[in-house]
N, C-alpha and C. Protein backbone atom coordinates (compact mmCIF):
# COMPACT_ATOMS: atom_id res chain seq x y z
N UNK A 1 -4.19 11.66 17.00
CA UNK A 1 -3.69 11.37 15.67
C UNK A 1 -4.87 11.02 14.76
N UNK A 2 -5.00 11.76 13.67
CA UNK A 2 -6.15 11.55 12.81
C UNK A 2 -5.94 10.44 11.78
N UNK A 3 -4.69 10.07 11.51
CA UNK A 3 -4.41 9.04 10.52
C UNK A 3 -4.63 7.66 11.12
N UNK A 4 -5.21 6.80 10.32
CA UNK A 4 -5.46 5.44 10.72
C UNK A 4 -4.15 4.64 10.68
N UNK A 5 -4.09 3.58 11.46
CA UNK A 5 -2.94 2.68 11.47
C UNK A 5 -2.85 1.90 10.16
N UNK A 6 -3.99 1.70 9.51
CA UNK A 6 -4.07 0.92 8.28
C UNK A 6 -4.53 1.77 7.10
N UNK A 7 -4.17 1.32 5.90
CA UNK A 7 -4.60 1.97 4.67
C UNK A 7 -5.23 0.92 3.76
N UNK A 8 -6.29 1.28 3.07
CA UNK A 8 -6.89 0.37 2.09
C UNK A 8 -6.10 0.46 0.79
N UNK A 9 -6.38 -0.47 -0.12
CA UNK A 9 -5.74 -0.44 -1.44
C UNK A 9 -6.04 0.89 -2.13
N UNK A 10 -7.25 1.37 -1.99
CA UNK A 10 -7.62 2.65 -2.60
C UNK A 10 -6.78 3.80 -2.03
N UNK A 11 -6.59 3.82 -0.74
CA UNK A 11 -5.79 4.88 -0.12
C UNK A 11 -4.33 4.80 -0.55
N UNK A 12 -3.80 3.58 -0.68
CA UNK A 12 -2.42 3.41 -1.15
C UNK A 12 -2.31 3.93 -2.59
N UNK A 13 -3.28 3.58 -3.41
CA UNK A 13 -3.28 4.04 -4.80
C UNK A 13 -3.33 5.57 -4.87
N UNK A 14 -4.15 6.17 -4.05
CA UNK A 14 -4.23 7.64 -4.03
C UNK A 14 -2.91 8.26 -3.58
N UNK A 15 -2.26 7.66 -2.61
CA UNK A 15 -0.98 8.16 -2.13
C UNK A 15 0.06 8.18 -3.24
N UNK A 16 0.12 7.11 -4.02
CA UNK A 16 1.10 6.99 -5.10
C UNK A 16 0.60 7.57 -6.43
N UNK A 17 -0.65 8.02 -6.43
CA UNK A 17 -1.27 8.59 -7.63
C UNK A 17 -1.27 7.59 -8.79
N UNK A 18 -1.71 6.38 -8.47
CA UNK A 18 -1.85 5.30 -9.45
C UNK A 18 -3.22 4.65 -9.24
N UNK A 19 -3.56 3.71 -10.11
CA UNK A 19 -4.82 2.99 -9.96
C UNK A 19 -4.69 1.88 -8.92
N UNK A 20 -5.83 1.42 -8.46
CA UNK A 20 -5.82 0.29 -7.53
C UNK A 20 -5.23 -0.95 -8.20
N UNK A 21 -5.48 -1.12 -9.49
CA UNK A 21 -4.92 -2.26 -10.22
C UNK A 21 -3.40 -2.21 -10.22
N UNK A 22 -2.82 -1.03 -10.31
CA UNK A 22 -1.36 -0.90 -10.25
C UNK A 22 -0.83 -1.38 -8.90
N UNK A 23 -1.51 -1.01 -7.83
CA UNK A 23 -1.10 -1.47 -6.50
C UNK A 23 -1.15 -3.00 -6.44
N UNK A 24 -2.22 -3.58 -6.96
CA UNK A 24 -2.34 -5.04 -6.97
C UNK A 24 -1.23 -5.68 -7.80
N UNK A 25 -0.87 -5.06 -8.92
CA UNK A 25 0.23 -5.56 -9.74
C UNK A 25 1.56 -5.47 -9.00
N UNK A 26 1.78 -4.38 -8.29
CA UNK A 26 3.01 -4.24 -7.52
C UNK A 26 3.14 -5.36 -6.50
N UNK A 27 2.02 -5.73 -5.87
CA UNK A 27 2.07 -6.82 -4.89
C UNK A 27 2.57 -8.10 -5.52
N UNK A 28 2.17 -8.36 -6.77
CA UNK A 28 2.55 -9.59 -7.45
C UNK A 28 3.97 -9.53 -8.02
N UNK A 29 4.38 -8.36 -8.50
CA UNK A 29 5.61 -8.25 -9.28
C UNK A 29 6.80 -7.65 -8.54
N UNK A 30 6.56 -6.99 -7.42
CA UNK A 30 7.64 -6.33 -6.69
C UNK A 30 7.77 -6.97 -5.30
N UNK A 31 8.78 -7.80 -5.13
CA UNK A 31 8.94 -8.46 -3.83
C UNK A 31 9.09 -7.50 -2.65
N UNK A 32 9.58 -6.30 -2.92
CA UNK A 32 9.78 -5.34 -1.83
C UNK A 32 8.50 -4.60 -1.44
N UNK A 33 7.44 -4.73 -2.25
CA UNK A 33 6.19 -4.03 -1.92
C UNK A 33 5.51 -4.74 -0.75
N UNK A 34 5.05 -3.98 0.24
CA UNK A 34 4.45 -4.60 1.44
C UNK A 34 3.20 -5.42 1.12
N UNK A 35 3.07 -6.52 1.79
CA UNK A 35 1.85 -7.33 1.72
C UNK A 35 0.81 -6.73 2.65
N UNK A 36 -0.45 -6.98 2.38
CA UNK A 36 -1.48 -6.48 3.30
C UNK A 36 -1.31 -7.10 4.68
N UNK A 37 -1.47 -6.30 5.69
CA UNK A 37 -1.42 -6.79 7.07
C UNK A 37 -2.71 -7.55 7.39
N UNK A 38 -3.80 -7.10 6.77
CA UNK A 38 -5.10 -7.74 6.95
C UNK A 38 -5.65 -8.04 5.57
N UNK A 39 -5.76 -9.31 5.25
CA UNK A 39 -6.31 -9.71 3.96
C UNK A 39 -7.81 -9.88 4.12
N UNK A 40 -8.52 -8.92 3.60
CA UNK A 40 -9.98 -8.92 3.70
C UNK A 40 -10.49 -8.13 2.51
N UNK A 41 -11.70 -7.73 2.57
CA UNK A 41 -12.26 -6.90 1.52
C UNK A 41 -12.74 -5.60 2.17
N UNK A 42 -11.97 -4.53 2.07
CA UNK A 42 -10.74 -4.37 1.31
C UNK A 42 -9.51 -4.81 2.12
N UNK A 43 -8.44 -5.11 1.39
CA UNK A 43 -7.17 -5.40 2.05
C UNK A 43 -6.71 -4.16 2.80
N UNK A 44 -5.98 -4.39 3.88
CA UNK A 44 -5.48 -3.25 4.67
C UNK A 44 -3.98 -3.41 4.88
N UNK A 45 -3.28 -2.34 4.57
CA UNK A 45 -1.82 -2.30 4.70
C UNK A 45 -1.46 -1.46 5.91
N UNK A 46 -0.38 -1.83 6.59
CA UNK A 46 0.10 -0.99 7.68
C UNK A 46 0.63 0.31 7.07
N UNK A 47 0.14 1.42 7.57
CA UNK A 47 0.57 2.73 7.07
C UNK A 47 2.09 2.86 7.17
N UNK A 48 2.69 2.40 8.25
CA UNK A 48 4.14 2.52 8.42
C UNK A 48 4.89 1.74 7.34
N UNK A 49 4.38 0.57 6.94
CA UNK A 49 5.02 -0.22 5.87
C UNK A 49 4.98 0.53 4.54
N UNK A 50 3.84 1.15 4.26
CA UNK A 50 3.67 1.87 3.00
C UNK A 50 4.56 3.11 2.98
N UNK A 51 4.61 3.84 4.08
CA UNK A 51 5.45 5.04 4.15
C UNK A 51 6.92 4.67 4.00
N UNK A 52 7.34 3.60 4.64
CA UNK A 52 8.72 3.14 4.51
C UNK A 52 9.02 2.76 3.07
N UNK A 53 8.11 2.05 2.43
CA UNK A 53 8.30 1.68 1.03
C UNK A 53 8.39 2.94 0.17
N UNK A 54 7.53 3.89 0.41
CA UNK A 54 7.52 5.12 -0.36
C UNK A 54 8.85 5.86 -0.22
N UNK A 55 9.41 5.88 0.96
CA UNK A 55 10.65 6.60 1.21
C UNK A 55 11.88 5.89 0.64
N UNK A 56 11.79 4.58 0.48
CA UNK A 56 12.97 3.82 0.03
C UNK A 56 12.88 3.37 -1.42
N UNK A 57 11.74 3.55 -2.06
CA UNK A 57 11.60 3.10 -3.45
C UNK A 57 11.90 4.25 -4.41
N UNK A 58 12.15 3.89 -5.62
CA UNK A 58 12.45 4.89 -6.66
C UNK A 58 11.31 4.93 -7.66
N UNK A 59 10.09 4.94 -7.19
CA UNK A 59 8.93 4.93 -8.08
C UNK A 59 8.79 6.26 -8.78
């Protein structure tokens, strides 16, 4: 499997075709948006959480 288990904020932004700042805003303003699994620099999100959010959200 070539995909990583985690995604950075940049990768999440690219997936949704938005800026990294938009992803950070979603974390603050959308309770349903996944929190980072690893809070570091850069933050890392579980790919499965992001894919689930993408499939269930109406963005």
